Amino acid sequence: MSKFKSGNSGRPKGAIGKTTKEARELYLNAIQGESEHIAQAFKDLREKDPYKYLQVIAKFTQFIIPKLSNTVLSNEEDEVFKPFTINIGSDTDS
């Protein structure tokens, strides 16, 4: 492996490192064929403790469905936009 040189930006953003890749492969190999046992464990947990079951599902969901983030819109003066209502149709259409 060559020495890091000044000006080199390094690994691109989002690139997966060797260790991470190997860890993911190891994990996938370990759980391969375990889907029936995992499903049964979820079923057992749901029956034993529905609240804990929902907590576990919520925790795993974040790895499947990304969390939504808040977005703040602002105008050129850096003021936060005020909400407004759009009325479709009017009372004078009759």
C-alpha atoms as a PDB file:
ATOM      1  CA  MET A   1       0.000   0.000   0.000  1.00  0.00           C
ATOM      2  CA  SER A   2       1.342   3.412  -0.910  1.00  0.00           C
ATOM      3  CA  LYS A   3       1.787   6.260   1.528  1.00  0.00           C
ATOM      4  CA  PHE A   4      -0.939   8.893   1.704  1.00  0.00           C
ATOM      5  CA  LYS A   5       0.003  11.919  -0.371  1.00  0.00           C
ATOM      6  CA  SER A   6      -0.941  15.526   0.314  1.00  0.00           C
ATOM      7  CA  GLY A   7      -3.810  16.716  -1.863  1.00  0.00           C
ATOM      8  CA  ASN A   8      -5.324  13.242  -2.105  1.00  0.00           C
ATOM      9  CA  SER A   9      -8.946  13.567  -1.005  1.00  0.00           C
ATOM     10  CA  GLY A  10      -9.037   9.972   0.218  1.00  0.00           C
ATOM     11  CA  ARG A  11     -11.966   7.626  -0.074  1.00  0.00           C
ATOM     12  CA  PRO A  12     -15.000   9.079  -1.873  1.00  0.00           C
ATOM     13  CA  LYS A  13     -18.033   9.913   0.250  1.00  0.00           C
ATOM     14  CA  GLY A  14     -20.270   6.879   0.599  1.00  0.00           C
ATOM     15  CA  ALA A  15     -17.584   4.397  -0.443  1.00  0.00           C
ATOM     16  CA  ILE A  16     -17.583   1.192   1.579  1.00  0.00           C
ATOM     17  CA  GLY A  17     -14.306   0.340   3.280  1.00  0.00           C
ATOM     18  CA  LYS A  18     -12.734  -3.105   3.197  1.00  0.00           C
ATOM     19  CA  THR A  19     -13.464  -3.840   6.859  1.00  0.00           C
ATOM     20  CA  THR A  20     -17.096  -2.753   6.562  1.00  0.00           C
ATOM     21  CA  LYS A  21     -17.549  -4.860   3.442  1.00  0.00           C
ATOM     22  CA  GLU A  22     -16.051  -7.918   5.150  1.00  0.00           C
ATOM     23  CA  ALA A  23     -18.165  -7.367   8.274  1.00  0.00           C
ATOM     24  CA  ARG A  24     -21.346  -7.153   6.195  1.00  0.00           C
ATOM     25  CA  GLU A  25     -20.455 -10.331   4.307  1.00  0.00           C
ATOM     26  CA  LEU A  26     -19.734 -12.134   7.583  1.00  0.00           C
ATOM     27  CA  TYR A  27     -23.055 -10.996   9.031  1.00  0.00           C
ATOM     28  CA  LEU A  28     -25.017 -12.013   5.927  1.00  0.00           C
ATOM     29  CA  ASN A  29     -23.355 -15.434   5.930  1.00  0.00           C
ATOM     30  CA  ALA A  30     -24.185 -15.870   9.618  1.00  0.00           C
ATOM     31  CA  ILE A  31     -27.901 -15.128   9.207  1.00  0.00           C
ATOM     32  CA  GLN A  32     -28.328 -16.877   5.873  1.00  0.00           C
ATOM     33  CA  GLY A  33     -30.972 -19.549   6.264  1.00  0.00           C
ATOM     34  CA  GLU A  34     -32.164 -18.111   9.574  1.00  0.00           C
ATOM     35  CA  SER A  35     -35.254 -16.339   8.214  1.00  0.00           C
ATOM     36  CA  GLU A  36     -37.638 -18.964   9.625  1.00  0.00           C
ATOM     37  CA  HIS A  37     -36.068 -18.694  13.088  1.00  0.00           C
ATOM     38  CA  ILE A  38     -36.109 -14.895  12.947  1.00  0.00           C
ATOM     39  CA  ALA A  39     -39.778 -14.893  11.911  1.00  0.00           C
ATOM     40  CA  GLN A  40     -40.607 -17.289  14.757  1.00  0.00           C
ATOM     41  CA  ALA A  41     -38.709 -15.134  17.248  1.00  0.00           C
ATOM     42  CA  PHE A  42     -40.715 -12.072  16.145  1.00  0.00           C
ATOM     43  CA  LYS A  43     -43.957 -14.054  16.452  1.00  0.00           C
ATOM     44  CA  ASP A  44     -43.015 -15.284  19.946  1.00  0.00           C
ATOM     45  CA  LEU A  45     -42.058 -11.781  21.058  1.00  0.00           C
ATOM     46  CA  ARG A  46     -45.305 -10.347  19.679  1.00  0.00           C
ATOM     47  CA  GLU A  47     -47.309 -12.875  21.695  1.00  0.00           C
ATOM     48  CA  LYS A  48     -45.241 -12.503  24.879  1.00  0.00           C
ATOM     49  CA  ASP A  49     -44.749  -8.716  24.927  1.00  0.00           C
ATOM     50  CA  PRO A  50     -46.550  -6.704  22.221  1.00  0.00           C
ATOM     51  CA  TYR A  51     -44.989  -3.419  23.390  1.00  0.00           C
ATOM     52  CA  LYS A  52     -41.438  -4.788  23.169  1.00  0.00           C
ATOM     53  CA  TYR A  53     -42.305  -6.300  19.776  1.00  0.00           C
ATOM     54  CA  LEU A  54     -43.289  -2.843  18.463  1.00  0.00           C
ATOM     55  CA  GLN A  55     -40.074  -1.355  19.863  1.00  0.00           C
ATOM     56  CA  VAL A  56     -37.990  -3.985  18.065  1.00  0.00           C
ATOM     57  CA  ILE A  57     -39.895  -3.521  14.799  1.00  0.00           C
ATOM     58  CA  ALA A  58     -39.430   0.260  15.040  1.00  0.00           C
ATOM     59  CA  LYS A  59     -35.718  -0.179  15.649  1.00  0.00           C
ATOM     60  CA  PHE A  60     -35.250  -2.493  12.648  1.00  0.00           C
ATOM     61  CA  THR A  61     -37.427  -0.331  10.402  1.00  0.00           C
ATOM     62  CA  GLN A  62     -34.858   2.476  10.449  1.00  0.00           C
ATOM     63  CA  PHE A  63     -32.457   0.207   8.565  1.00  0.00           C
ATOM     64  CA  ILE A  64     -35.013  -0.539   5.865  1.00  0.00           C
ATOM     65  CA  ILE A  65     -36.901   2.744   5.531  1.00  0.00           C
ATOM     66  CA  PRO A  66     -34.752   5.861   6.000  1.00  0.00           C
ATOM     67  CA  LYS A  67     -35.774   8.357   8.651  1.00  0.00           C
ATOM     68  CA  LEU A  68     -37.396  11.506   7.331  1.00  0.00           C
ATOM     69  CA  SER A  69     -35.648  14.745   8.134  1.00  0.00           C
ATOM     70  CA  ASN A  70     -37.147  18.151   8.736  1.00  0.00           C
ATOM     71  CA  THR A  71     -36.751  20.671   5.953  1.00  0.00           C
ATOM     72  CA  VAL A  72     -36.928  24.383   6.612  1.00  0.00           C
ATOM     73  CA  LEU A  73     -37.622  26.662   3.670  1.00  0.00           C
ATOM     74  CA  SER A  74     -36.504  30.259   3.750  1.00  0.00           C
ATOM     75  CA  ASN A  75     -36.555  33.214   1.379  1.00  0.00           C
ATOM     76  CA  GLU A  76     -33.723  35.501   0.287  1.00  0.00           C
ATOM     77  CA  GLU A  77     -33.858  37.469   3.545  1.00  0.00           C
ATOM     78  CA  ASP A  78     -33.388  34.188   5.408  1.00  0.00           C
ATOM     79  CA  GLU A  79     -36.848  34.468   6.947  1.00  0.00           C
ATOM     80  CA  VAL A  80     -38.832  31.301   7.484  1.00  0.00           C
ATOM     81  CA  PHE A  81     -41.817  31.039   5.132  1.00  0.00           C
ATOM     82  CA  LYS A  82     -45.211  31.488   6.704  1.00  0.00           C
ATOM     83  CA  PRO A  83     -47.818  28.797   5.999  1.00  0.00           C
ATOM     84  CA  PHE A  84     -50.585  29.646   3.550  1.00  0.00           C
ATOM     85  CA  THR A  85     -53.819  28.058   2.356  1.00  0.00           C
ATOM     86  CA  ILE A  86     -54.904  27.507  -1.221  1.00  0.00           C
ATOM     87  CA  ASN A  87     -58.665  27.419  -1.707  1.00  0.00           C
ATOM     88  CA  ILE A  88     -59.751  25.550  -4.820  1.00  0.00           C
ATOM     89  CA  GLY A  89     -63.050  26.774  -6.233  1.00  0.00           C
ATOM     90  CA  SER A  90     -64.965  29.768  -4.997  1.00  0.00           C
ATOM     91  CA  ASP A  91     -68.345  30.719  -3.614  1.00  0.00           C
ATOM     92  CA  THR A  92     -69.085  32.804  -6.739  1.00  0.00           C
ATOM     93  CA  ASP A  93     -69.046  29.768  -9.104  1.00  0.00           C
ATOM     94  CA  SER A  94     -72.762  29.042  -8.434  1.00  0.00           C
END
